[in-house]
Amino acid sequence: MRALRLLIVLAAFAPAAPAQAQTGAQRALEAAAATPEVRRERAARERTYLRAYREPERRLWRVSLFQAGRPSREVAQVRVDDRGRVVEAWTGVKLEWPMARGYPGAFGRGVNTPWIWAGLSLLFVLPFLRGPPRMLHLDLAVLLAFGLSYAAFNAAELGISVPSVYPLLAYLLARMLWVAWRPPPAPPRLRTSAAFLLGALFFLLGVRVALNLTGNVIDVGYASIIGADRIAHGDPLYGTFPEPVEHGDTYGPVAYAAYVPFELLFPWTGEWDGLAAGHAAALAFDLGCLALCWRLGGVLLAYLWAAYPFTLLVSASGANDALVTLLILAALLAAARPAARGVLMGLAALTKLAPLVLAPLMVGRSLAGAAALLLTVAVLILPFDQGTLIERTLEFQAQRDSPFSIWQGAAAAQAVVQVAALVLALALAFVPRRRDRARVAALAAAVLIAVQIGADHWFYTYLVWFAPLVWIALLSPAAAPARSPRPAAAATPG
C-alpha cells in the first residue's frame, strides 16, 4: 500500500517542472501579446511571431516579437514576471539601444542619487557665490545645466534629453571663441578660502574613490578591458570582439593599450562581471586628470574637477573618457615642447579619433611637433592590419546611426556643421599668433565642442573632454602659477 502511494506521488510530481515552465511561458506570451507595443507592431507588419525565453537570474520571461525574414528581425521586446505581469516593453529606439531605457543607475549607480548630484553641483559653484552676477556665473550654470538634460535621459525621455544638449553646447562654443579673442576680466575673490578648497578636495577624493568602487563598468570600459587582454596575449585586436560588445573595437589602439597594466594586475575572467581592471583604470585616469588640473591651475582647478558631477559620472561608470582628457591636458602643459605636444596629440588621436582636430592648434606649424605626431601615429598603427583597422574604426564611426543626436534625417545641415568645425580647426594652425595657455585652452575647448555638435553620437561623458579647458579659459588670471605673499592670496583662486 505504501509503495502504491509512493508511485502515485511520483507520477503526480514528475512532470510538474516542465508543465510549470510551459505554463509560465504561455502566460508570458499571452501577457506580451496584449501589450499596446506588441499589438501596434503586429498591426503594422506582416508575418510576425512571438518567442519566450527564460531569464532565470532575473526570474523573468523575455518575450520577443520577430518580423519573419532572412534573417528574422526583433521588432518588440517584453519582459514578464512569473505572475504574468508586464515589467517592461520596448520597441523602436529603446529596443535597439538598451541605454535609452532609463534603467536606474545604469551609468555610475550611486552618483545618480539626487542628493549626491545636487550636493556636488552646490560645491561646484560655492567658491563663486560672492558679489553681483557675472558672466562667469552664467558659464558655470550652463555647465551644470547639462544635469537637467541628463535627468531627462535617466527618465528615458530622449525627446527632451537629446535636443536640450545642443543650445548648451552652442553657448559654450560661442563663449569660448569670444573669450579666446577677448579674455575675461579677473574673476572676483572667492567666497571660500584656499584651506576650505583643500579640505573639501580631500573629502571629495574619498567620495570619488567610494563611488568608483561601488559603481559599474559600462560597455566602453568592458571593451577596453577586452582589447587590453587581446594585446597582452598577442591576439588580434580588431574584428574579434565577442557579444554583446562586438563593435567595442571602434577606438584607436591606445584606448586598449592604456588598460594593459590594469588588466595584468586584475586579469579579465572572460565575463562581464565586476571588472576590477575597469574600476582601477577609470580611477587612475580620473586621479591623473585631477593632478594635471592642479598643475595647470592650482587647488581651485583640482577642486572643480573633483566637484563637477560629470567627471564623477565618468569614473563611477568605468568609462574611458578621462583618458582623452588626461592626454589633452598633458599636451596643454607641454606648451613649450613641440615634440612632446606632437606625441601626446598622436596618443589622443589614437585613443578616440575626435581629438585629432586639435592637432593644428596644439602642433601648429612646428615641424618638430608635426613630425612627432606623424611618427607616433605611424609606429602605433604599424602592428595592425590597416584595412581592418580603418574598417572597424573610421568606417564604423562614419556609418554609425544613433538616436543620441539631432542629425537624424538632417544630413545636409550636419555636413555644414562638420565642415565649419573642420575649417575652424585648420584655421587655428595660423591664427591667432599670440597664444598663452588660457587662449589655447579656450580655442581647444571651442574646437572640441564644435566637433561634438556635429557628431553622429553624443553622450554626457564627453563633457569631460573640454570642461577643464573651459575652466582654465575663464579663470586664467587666477590659474596663473605665480603666488602672491599678500594675505588676500588665500582667498583668491589658484
Protein backbone atom coordinates (compact mmCIF):
# COMPACT_ATOMS: atom_id res chain seq x y z
CA MET A 1 0.00 0.00 0.00
CA ARG A 2 2.81 2.38 0.85
CA ALA A 3 4.55 1.52 -2.42
CA LEU A 4 1.34 2.30 -4.34
CA ARG A 5 1.07 5.67 -2.62
CA LEU A 6 4.71 6.40 -3.45
CA LEU A 7 4.11 5.62 -7.14
CA ILE A 8 1.06 7.90 -7.19
CA VAL A 9 3.09 10.76 -5.68
CA LEU A 10 5.93 10.26 -8.15
CA ALA A 11 3.55 10.14 -11.10
CA ALA A 12 1.87 13.32 -9.96
CA PHE A 13 5.00 15.35 -9.41
CA ALA A 14 7.46 14.09 -12.03
CA PRO A 15 6.18 16.20 -14.94
CA ALA A 16 5.46 19.25 -12.75
CA ALA A 17 8.57 21.27 -13.59
CA PRO A 18 8.21 21.09 -17.40
CA ALA A 19 4.49 21.72 -17.09
CA GLN A 20 5.07 24.75 -14.90
CA ALA A 21 7.67 26.07 -17.33
CA GLN A 22 5.27 25.57 -20.21
CA THR A 23 2.50 27.29 -18.29
CA GLY A 24 4.81 30.17 -17.40
CA ALA A 25 5.92 30.60 -21.00
CA GLN A 26 2.33 30.52 -22.24
CA ARG A 27 1.29 33.07 -19.62
CA ALA A 28 4.19 35.31 -20.65
CA LEU A 29 3.31 35.03 -24.34
CA GLU A 30 -0.31 35.93 -23.66
CA ALA A 31 0.66 38.91 -21.49
CA ALA A 32 3.11 40.18 -24.09
CA ALA A 33 0.63 39.78 -26.93
CA ALA A 34 -1.82 42.01 -25.06
CA THR A 35 0.59 44.94 -24.65
CA PRO A 36 -0.02 48.05 -26.79
CA GLU A 37 3.56 47.87 -28.06
CA VAL A 38 3.22 44.36 -29.47
CA ARG A 39 -0.28 44.96 -30.81
CA ARG A 40 0.91 48.10 -32.61
CA GLU A 41 3.87 46.34 -34.21
CA ARG A 42 1.72 43.39 -35.29
CA ALA A 43 -0.81 45.71 -36.89
CA ALA A 44 1.91 47.48 -38.86
CA ARG A 45 3.69 44.34 -40.09
CA GLU A 46 3.02 41.01 -41.70
CA ARG A 47 4.40 37.59 -40.77
CA THR A 48 5.35 38.22 -37.16
CA TYR A 49 5.72 35.66 -34.39
CA LEU A 50 6.43 35.62 -30.66
CA ARG A 51 9.05 33.63 -28.77
CA ALA A 52 9.53 33.36 -25.00
CA TYR A 53 12.93 32.96 -23.31
CA ARG A 54 13.55 32.38 -19.62
CA GLU A 55 15.92 34.73 -17.76
CA PRO A 56 16.47 32.74 -14.54
CA GLU A 57 18.87 35.23 -12.96
CA ARG A 58 16.15 37.88 -13.08
CA ARG A 59 13.21 35.48 -12.61
CA LEU A 60 11.58 36.92 -15.70
CA TRP A 61 10.41 35.85 -19.12
CA ARG A 62 11.70 37.77 -22.11
CA VAL A 63 9.21 37.67 -24.96
CA SER A 64 10.43 38.85 -28.35
CA LEU A 65 8.29 39.71 -31.36
CA PHE A 66 10.08 38.89 -34.60
CA GLN A 67 9.47 40.02 -38.16
CA ALA A 68 9.85 36.90 -40.27
CA GLY A 69 12.58 37.04 -42.88
CA ARG A 70 16.16 36.06 -43.64
CA PRO A 71 17.31 36.81 -41.08
CA SER A 72 14.40 37.42 -38.74
CA ARG A 73 14.40 40.81 -37.02
CA GLU A 74 13.30 41.58 -33.49
CA VAL A 75 10.79 44.46 -33.51
CA ALA A 76 9.46 44.39 -29.94
CA GLN A 77 10.58 43.03 -26.60
CA VAL A 78 8.56 42.48 -23.43
CA ARG A 79 9.59 41.20 -20.01
CA VAL A 80 7.01 39.41 -17.90
CA ASP A 81 7.28 38.16 -14.33
CA ASP A 82 6.12 34.76 -13.10
CA ARG A 83 2.68 36.12 -12.26
CA GLY A 84 2.11 37.24 -15.82
CA ARG A 85 2.62 40.95 -15.09
CA VAL A 86 4.39 43.02 -17.73
CA VAL A 87 7.54 44.59 -16.26
CA GLU A 88 8.74 46.45 -19.33
CA ALA A 89 8.03 46.66 -23.05
CA TRP A 90 10.21 48.20 -25.73
CA THR A 91 10.06 48.99 -29.43
CA GLY A 92 11.98 51.24 -31.80
CA VAL A 93 14.98 53.12 -30.42
CA LYS A 94 14.59 51.76 -26.90
CA LEU A 95 14.60 48.22 -28.22
CA GLU A 96 17.79 48.77 -30.21
CA TRP A 97 19.53 50.89 -27.55
CA PRO A 98 19.15 49.49 -24.00
CA MET A 99 20.93 52.58 -22.66
CA ALA A 100 17.92 54.63 -23.77
CA ARG A 101 15.51 52.79 -21.47
CA GLY A 102 16.24 54.75 -18.32
CA TYR A 103 17.36 51.85 -16.14
CA PRO A 104 18.13 53.26 -12.67
CA GLY A 105 21.85 53.65 -12.04
CA ALA A 106 22.83 52.21 -15.42
CA PHE A 107 25.66 54.75 -15.57
CA GLY A 108 27.57 55.08 -12.33
CA ARG A 109 24.97 53.73 -9.93
CA GLY A 110 25.22 55.84 -6.75
CA VAL A 111 26.34 59.04 -8.46
CA ASN A 112 22.80 59.35 -9.86
CA THR A 113 21.32 59.70 -6.38
CA PRO A 114 19.63 63.13 -6.43
CA TRP A 115 21.14 64.39 -3.16
CA ILE A 116 24.65 63.38 -4.25
CA TRP A 117 24.26 65.11 -7.62
CA ALA A 118 22.74 68.22 -6.03
CA GLY A 119 25.44 68.34 -3.36
CA LEU A 120 28.22 68.15 -5.94
CA SER A 121 26.57 70.86 -8.02
CA LEU A 122 26.38 73.15 -4.99
CA LEU A 123 30.01 72.53 -4.12
CA PHE A 124 30.98 73.20 -7.74
CA VAL A 125 29.57 76.75 -7.68
CA LEU A 126 30.11 77.51 -3.98
CA PRO A 127 33.52 79.25 -4.37
CA PHE A 128 31.97 81.76 -6.79
CA LEU A 129 28.82 82.67 -4.83
CA ARG A 130 30.03 86.13 -3.98
CA GLY A 131 29.39 89.55 -5.40
CA PRO A 132 26.95 90.64 -8.13
CA PRO A 133 26.02 88.30 -11.02
CA ARG A 134 28.69 88.00 -13.70
CA MET A 135 29.13 86.14 -16.97
CA LEU A 136 31.18 83.60 -15.04
CA HIS A 137 28.07 82.66 -13.05
CA LEU A 138 26.15 82.05 -16.27
CA ASP A 139 29.01 79.97 -17.65
CA LEU A 140 29.05 77.75 -14.57
CA ALA A 141 25.25 77.47 -14.66
CA VAL A 142 25.39 76.27 -18.25
CA LEU A 143 27.96 73.61 -17.35
CA LEU A 144 25.62 72.39 -14.61
CA ALA A 145 22.52 72.65 -16.83
CA PHE A 146 23.62 69.52 -18.66
CA GLY A 147 22.45 67.78 -15.48
CA LEU A 148 18.83 68.64 -16.35
CA SER A 149 19.25 67.00 -19.74
CA TYR A 150 20.86 64.01 -18.07
CA ALA A 151 17.89 63.73 -15.70
CA ALA A 152 15.61 63.53 -18.74
CA PHE A 153 17.87 60.84 -20.18
CA ASN A 154 17.60 58.85 -16.96
CA ALA A 155 13.82 59.14 -17.26
CA ALA A 156 14.03 57.68 -20.80
CA GLU A 157 12.78 60.98 -22.26
CA LEU A 158 15.03 61.19 -25.30
CA GLY A 159 12.75 63.74 -26.90
CA ILE A 160 13.86 66.13 -24.16
CA SER A 161 17.36 64.95 -23.31
CA VAL A 162 18.83 64.90 -26.83
CA PRO A 163 17.76 68.31 -28.22
CA SER A 164 18.27 70.12 -24.91
CA VAL A 165 22.02 69.49 -25.08
CA TYR A 166 22.66 71.47 -28.24
CA PRO A 167 21.77 75.00 -27.07
CA LEU A 168 24.13 74.47 -24.13
CA LEU A 169 26.94 73.28 -26.41
CA ALA A 170 26.31 76.17 -28.80
CA TYR A 171 26.50 78.69 -25.93
CA LEU A 172 29.81 77.24 -24.72
CA LEU A 173 31.21 77.25 -28.27
CA ALA A 174 30.34 80.92 -28.74
CA ARG A 175 31.61 81.79 -25.28
CA MET A 176 34.98 80.08 -25.80
CA LEU A 177 35.51 81.82 -29.15
CA TRP A 178 34.66 85.15 -27.51
CA VAL A 179 36.97 84.50 -24.56
CA ALA A 180 39.81 83.50 -26.89
CA TRP A 181 39.74 86.91 -28.56
CA ARG A 182 38.61 88.99 -25.59
CA PRO A 183 39.92 87.45 -22.36
CA PRO A 184 37.55 87.90 -19.43
CA PRO A 185 38.34 90.22 -16.55
CA ALA A 186 39.90 88.78 -13.45
CA PRO A 187 37.33 86.71 -11.56
CA PRO A 188 36.10 88.03 -8.23
CA ARG A 189 37.59 86.95 -4.96
CA LEU A 190 36.31 83.58 -3.93
CA ARG A 191 33.78 83.01 -1.20
CA THR A 192 35.91 80.15 0.13
CA SER A 193 39.46 80.12 1.39
CA ALA A 194 42.28 78.03 -0.01
CA ALA A 195 42.16 75.95 3.19
CA PHE A 196 38.48 75.16 2.58
CA LEU A 197 39.19 74.17 -1.02
CA LEU A 198 41.98 71.87 0.08
CA GLY A 199 39.91 70.24 2.81
CA ALA A 200 36.91 69.83 0.51
CA LEU A 201 39.19 68.37 -2.14
CA PHE A 202 40.34 65.60 0.17
CA PHE A 203 36.73 64.90 1.15
CA LEU A 204 35.68 64.73 -2.49
CA LEU A 205 38.57 62.41 -3.25
CA GLY A 206 37.18 59.96 -0.71
CA VAL A 207 33.72 60.24 -2.25
CA ARG A 208 35.12 59.63 -5.72
CA VAL A 209 37.04 56.53 -4.68
CA ALA A 210 34.00 55.12 -2.89
CA LEU A 211 31.62 55.73 -5.80
CA ASN A 212 34.13 54.36 -8.28
CA LEU A 213 34.48 51.11 -6.33
CA THR A 214 30.72 50.75 -5.84
CA GLY A 215 29.88 51.87 -9.38
CA ASN A 216 29.79 49.79 -12.55
CA VAL A 217 31.78 49.40 -15.75
CA ILE A 218 29.79 50.24 -18.86
CA ASP A 219 30.32 48.82 -22.32
CA VAL A 220 33.19 51.13 -23.33
CA GLY A 221 35.17 50.16 -20.23
CA TYR A 222 34.39 46.49 -20.80
CA ALA A 223 35.53 46.78 -24.42
CA SER A 224 38.76 48.46 -23.30
CA ILE A 225 39.50 45.54 -20.98
CA ILE A 226 38.84 43.00 -23.74
CA GLY A 227 41.19 44.93 -26.02
CA ALA A 228 43.86 45.01 -23.30
CA ASP A 229 43.50 41.26 -22.88
CA ARG A 230 43.92 40.79 -26.64
CA ILE A 231 47.08 42.92 -26.66
CA ALA A 232 48.54 41.25 -23.57
CA HIS A 233 48.11 37.79 -25.08
CA GLY A 234 49.25 38.76 -28.58
CA ASP A 235 45.81 38.09 -30.10
CA PRO A 236 44.29 40.10 -32.96
CA LEU A 237 42.73 43.29 -31.62
CA TYR A 238 40.31 44.33 -34.34
CA GLY A 239 37.41 42.27 -35.66
CA THR A 240 37.42 39.70 -32.84
CA PHE A 241 35.30 41.19 -30.05
CA PRO A 242 32.57 38.99 -28.55
CA GLU A 243 28.94 39.84 -27.98
CA PRO A 244 27.47 41.98 -26.52
CA VAL A 245 30.30 44.38 -27.44
CA GLU A 246 31.09 43.09 -30.92
CA HIS A 247 31.61 46.71 -32.03
CA GLY A 248 33.74 47.54 -29.00
CA ASP A 249 36.83 47.70 -31.24
CA THR A 250 35.83 51.08 -32.66
CA TYR A 251 38.54 53.01 -30.79
CA GLY A 252 42.19 53.56 -31.55
CA PRO A 253 44.79 51.13 -30.17
CA VAL A 254 45.87 53.49 -27.37
CA ALA A 255 42.42 53.16 -25.74
CA TYR A 256 43.14 49.45 -25.24
CA ALA A 257 46.89 49.63 -24.61
CA ALA A 258 46.31 52.04 -21.70
CA TYR A 259 44.31 49.32 -19.95
CA VAL A 260 47.00 46.63 -20.27
CA PRO A 261 48.70 47.34 -16.89
CA PHE A 262 45.35 47.19 -15.12
CA GLU A 263 44.28 44.03 -16.94
CA LEU A 264 47.56 42.36 -15.99
CA LEU A 265 47.00 43.36 -12.37
CA PHE A 266 43.34 42.27 -12.41
CA PRO A 267 43.04 39.70 -15.23
CA TRP A 268 39.82 39.51 -17.21
CA THR A 269 37.78 36.41 -16.36
CA GLY A 270 36.13 36.26 -19.76
CA GLU A 271 32.84 37.55 -18.36
CA TRP A 272 31.21 40.96 -17.90
CA ASP A 273 31.48 40.69 -14.12
CA GLY A 274 32.88 43.11 -11.53
CA LEU A 275 35.74 44.07 -13.88
CA ALA A 276 38.19 45.28 -11.25
CA ALA A 277 40.57 46.37 -14.01
CA GLY A 278 37.92 48.74 -15.35
CA HIS A 279 37.39 50.34 -11.95
CA ALA A 280 41.13 50.69 -11.40
CA ALA A 281 41.79 52.19 -14.83
CA ALA A 282 38.93 54.70 -14.60
CA LEU A 283 40.09 55.77 -11.13
CA ALA A 284 43.70 56.13 -12.28
CA PHE A 285 42.71 58.28 -15.27
CA ASP A 286 40.45 60.35 -13.01
CA LEU A 287 43.19 61.00 -10.46
CA GLY A 288 45.64 61.74 -13.26
CA CYS A 289 43.31 64.43 -14.61
CA LEU A 290 42.92 65.87 -11.13
CA ALA A 291 46.70 66.04 -10.72
CA LEU A 292 47.11 67.80 -14.08
CA CYS A 293 44.35 70.24 -13.16
CA TRP A 294 46.30 71.06 -10.01
CA ARG A 295 49.45 71.51 -12.07
CA LEU A 296 47.68 73.79 -14.55
CA GLY A 297 45.54 75.83 -12.19
CA GLY A 298 46.30 75.05 -8.58
CA VAL A 299 43.91 73.85 -5.93
CA LEU A 300 40.89 75.63 -7.44
CA LEU A 301 41.06 73.78 -10.76
CA ALA A 302 41.64 70.46 -8.99
CA TYR A 303 38.66 71.21 -6.74
CA LEU A 304 36.45 71.94 -9.75
CA TRP A 305 37.39 68.63 -11.32
CA ALA A 306 36.56 66.81 -8.09
CA ALA A 307 33.23 68.63 -7.61
CA TYR A 308 31.89 68.58 -11.17
CA PRO A 309 29.25 65.82 -11.27
CA PHE A 310 30.05 64.68 -14.80
CA THR A 311 33.70 63.91 -14.06
CA LEU A 312 32.46 61.64 -11.27
CA LEU A 313 29.93 60.10 -13.65
CA VAL A 314 32.81 59.03 -15.91
CA SER A 315 34.79 57.48 -13.06
CA ALA A 316 31.81 55.74 -11.44
CA SER A 317 30.74 54.34 -14.82
CA GLY A 318 34.14 52.85 -15.53
CA ALA A 319 34.24 54.80 -18.81
CA ASN A 320 37.47 55.61 -20.65
CA ASP A 321 36.76 59.27 -21.48
CA ALA A 322 39.05 60.67 -18.78
CA LEU A 323 41.96 59.12 -20.69
CA VAL A 324 41.25 61.54 -23.54
CA THR A 325 41.17 64.45 -21.09
CA LEU A 326 44.40 63.29 -19.49
CA LEU A 327 46.27 63.41 -22.81
CA ILE A 328 44.79 66.78 -23.83
CA LEU A 329 45.70 68.39 -20.51
CA ALA A 330 49.19 66.92 -20.74
CA ALA A 331 49.57 68.44 -24.21
CA LEU A 332 48.43 71.81 -22.86
CA LEU A 333 51.01 71.55 -20.09
CA ALA A 334 53.74 70.79 -22.65
CA ALA A 335 53.25 74.15 -24.38
CA ALA A 336 56.98 74.86 -24.63
CA ARG A 337 57.88 71.41 -26.02
CA PRO A 338 56.58 70.95 -29.59
CA ALA A 339 57.77 67.35 -29.92
CA ALA A 340 56.07 66.35 -26.67
CA ARG A 341 52.86 68.03 -27.81
CA GLY A 342 53.02 66.11 -31.07
CA VAL A 343 53.46 62.78 -29.30
CA LEU A 344 50.59 63.50 -26.90
CA MET A 345 48.31 64.58 -29.74
CA GLY A 346 49.14 61.36 -31.58
CA LEU A 347 48.27 59.33 -28.49
CA ALA A 348 44.99 61.25 -28.01
CA ALA A 349 44.02 60.77 -31.67
CA LEU A 350 44.63 57.02 -31.38
CA THR A 351 42.52 56.84 -28.22
CA LYS A 352 39.34 58.36 -29.60
CA LEU A 353 39.56 59.83 -33.06
CA ALA A 354 37.97 63.23 -32.38
CA PRO A 355 40.99 64.81 -30.57
CA LEU A 356 42.89 64.71 -33.87
CA VAL A 357 41.15 68.01 -34.71
CA LEU A 358 43.27 69.65 -32.02
CA ALA A 359 46.48 68.92 -33.92
CA PRO A 360 46.54 72.18 -35.94
CA LEU A 361 46.12 74.19 -32.73
CA MET A 362 48.40 72.19 -30.47
CA VAL A 363 51.11 71.43 -33.02
CA GLY A 364 50.67 74.44 -35.28
CA ARG A 365 53.37 74.98 -37.86
CA SER A 366 56.09 73.34 -35.78
CA LEU A 367 57.99 70.83 -37.89
CA ALA A 368 59.18 69.01 -34.76
CA GLY A 369 55.63 68.75 -33.45
CA ALA A 370 54.20 67.57 -36.77
CA ALA A 371 56.97 65.01 -37.21
CA ALA A 372 56.44 63.69 -33.67
CA LEU A 373 52.69 63.37 -34.24
CA LEU A 374 53.07 61.54 -37.56
CA LEU A 375 55.78 59.26 -36.21
CA THR A 376 53.70 58.40 -33.14
CA VAL A 377 50.67 57.51 -35.26
CA ALA A 378 52.73 55.51 -37.74
CA VAL A 379 54.51 53.46 -35.07
CA LEU A 380 51.34 52.67 -33.15
CA ILE A 381 49.23 51.56 -36.12
CA LEU A 382 52.03 49.60 -37.79
CA PRO A 383 51.35 46.29 -35.94
CA PHE A 384 47.74 46.17 -37.15
CA ASP A 385 46.19 45.29 -40.46
CA GLN A 386 45.44 48.71 -41.91
CA GLY A 387 42.32 47.67 -43.79
CA THR A 388 40.74 46.05 -40.75
CA LEU A 389 41.74 48.96 -38.53
CA ILE A 390 40.10 51.51 -40.85
CA GLU A 391 37.01 49.35 -41.32
CA ARG A 392 36.44 48.82 -37.60
CA THR A 393 37.14 52.42 -36.56
CA LEU A 394 36.76 55.14 -39.19
CA GLU A 395 34.21 53.36 -41.38
CA PHE A 396 32.10 52.18 -38.45
CA GLN A 397 32.06 55.66 -36.91
CA ALA A 398 31.14 57.23 -40.25
CA GLN A 399 28.21 54.83 -40.76
CA ARG A 400 27.00 54.91 -37.17
CA ASP A 401 23.32 55.63 -36.70
CA SER A 402 22.50 56.85 -33.22
CA PRO A 403 19.40 58.33 -31.55
CA PHE A 404 21.70 60.44 -29.38
CA SER A 405 21.98 63.18 -31.97
CA ILE A 406 19.68 65.74 -33.57
CA TRP A 407 21.03 64.99 -37.03
CA GLN A 408 18.90 62.01 -37.99
CA GLY A 409 17.21 63.00 -41.23
CA ALA A 410 19.23 66.22 -41.45
CA ALA A 411 22.39 65.07 -43.21
CA ALA A 412 22.86 68.30 -45.18
CA ALA A 413 22.70 70.51 -42.11
CA GLN A 414 25.02 68.14 -40.26
CA ALA A 415 27.54 68.30 -43.11
CA VAL A 416 27.56 72.11 -42.91
CA VAL A 417 28.28 71.97 -39.17
CA GLN A 418 31.02 69.38 -39.65
CA VAL A 419 32.72 71.38 -42.41
CA ALA A 420 32.57 74.52 -40.26
CA ALA A 421 34.19 72.64 -37.37
CA LEU A 422 36.95 71.39 -39.68
CA VAL A 423 37.58 74.89 -41.09
CA LEU A 424 37.81 76.25 -37.57
CA ALA A 425 40.29 73.54 -36.56
CA LEU A 426 42.52 74.12 -39.61
CA ALA A 427 42.43 77.91 -39.27
CA LEU A 428 43.86 77.65 -35.77
CA ALA A 429 47.15 76.46 -37.23
CA PHE A 430 47.68 80.06 -38.36
CA VAL A 431 45.65 82.36 -36.08
CA PRO A 432 45.87 83.83 -33.57
CA ARG A 433 49.57 84.48 -33.39
CA ARG A 434 49.63 85.30 -29.68
CA ARG A 435 48.93 82.12 -27.74
CA ASP A 436 49.06 81.99 -24.00
CA ARG A 437 47.74 79.00 -22.07
CA ALA A 438 44.30 80.48 -21.46
CA ARG A 439 43.77 81.31 -25.11
CA VAL A 440 44.90 77.88 -26.27
CA ALA A 441 42.59 76.29 -23.72
CA ALA A 442 39.63 78.36 -24.95
CA LEU A 443 40.31 77.53 -28.58
CA ALA A 444 40.84 73.83 -27.83
CA ALA A 445 37.51 73.75 -25.98
CA ALA A 446 35.82 75.52 -28.90
CA VAL A 447 37.13 73.02 -31.46
CA LEU A 448 36.15 70.01 -29.37
CA ILE A 449 32.66 71.44 -28.78
CA ALA A 450 32.23 72.20 -32.49
CA VAL A 451 33.15 68.63 -33.38
CA GLN A 452 30.80 67.23 -30.74
CA ILE A 453 27.92 69.36 -32.04
CA GLY A 454 28.29 67.81 -35.49
CA ALA A 455 28.90 64.25 -34.32
CA ASP A 456 26.61 61.32 -35.12
CA HIS A 457 26.58 60.32 -31.46
CA TRP A 458 26.90 62.42 -28.31
CA PHE A 459 26.85 61.39 -24.69
CA TYR A 460 27.33 63.13 -21.35
CA THR A 461 30.70 61.55 -20.63
CA TYR A 462 32.11 63.63 -23.50
CA LEU A 463 31.74 66.76 -21.37
CA VAL A 464 34.94 65.96 -19.53
CA TRP A 465 36.94 66.32 -22.74
CA PHE A 466 36.53 70.08 -22.71
CA ALA A 467 35.23 71.10 -19.25
CA PRO A 468 38.71 71.66 -17.70
CA LEU A 469 39.71 73.71 -20.75
CA VAL A 470 36.67 75.93 -20.19
CA TRP A 471 37.65 76.45 -16.56
CA ILE A 472 41.22 77.38 -17.50
CA ALA A 473 39.97 79.84 -20.11
CA LEU A 474 37.53 81.51 -17.72
CA LEU A 475 39.77 81.55 -14.66
CA SER A 476 43.12 82.19 -16.32
CA PRO A 477 44.10 85.19 -14.20
CA ALA A 478 43.52 83.04 -11.14
CA ALA A 479 45.11 79.97 -12.65
CA ALA A 480 48.49 81.65 -13.13
CA PRO A 481 51.26 79.70 -11.39
CA ALA A 482 52.67 82.74 -9.61
CA ARG A 483 51.81 83.06 -5.89
CA SER A 484 51.39 86.31 -4.03
CA PRO A 485 52.72 86.66 -0.48
CA ARG A 486 49.85 89.00 0.42
CA PRO A 487 47.28 87.66 2.93
CA ALA A 488 44.46 88.13 0.38
CA ALA A 489 46.01 85.48 -1.85
CA ALA A 490 44.44 82.75 0.25
CA ALA A 491 41.02 83.99 -0.76
CA THR A 492 41.65 84.24 -4.48
CA PRO A 493 41.53 81.40 -7.00
CA GLY A 494 44.73 79.43 -7.52
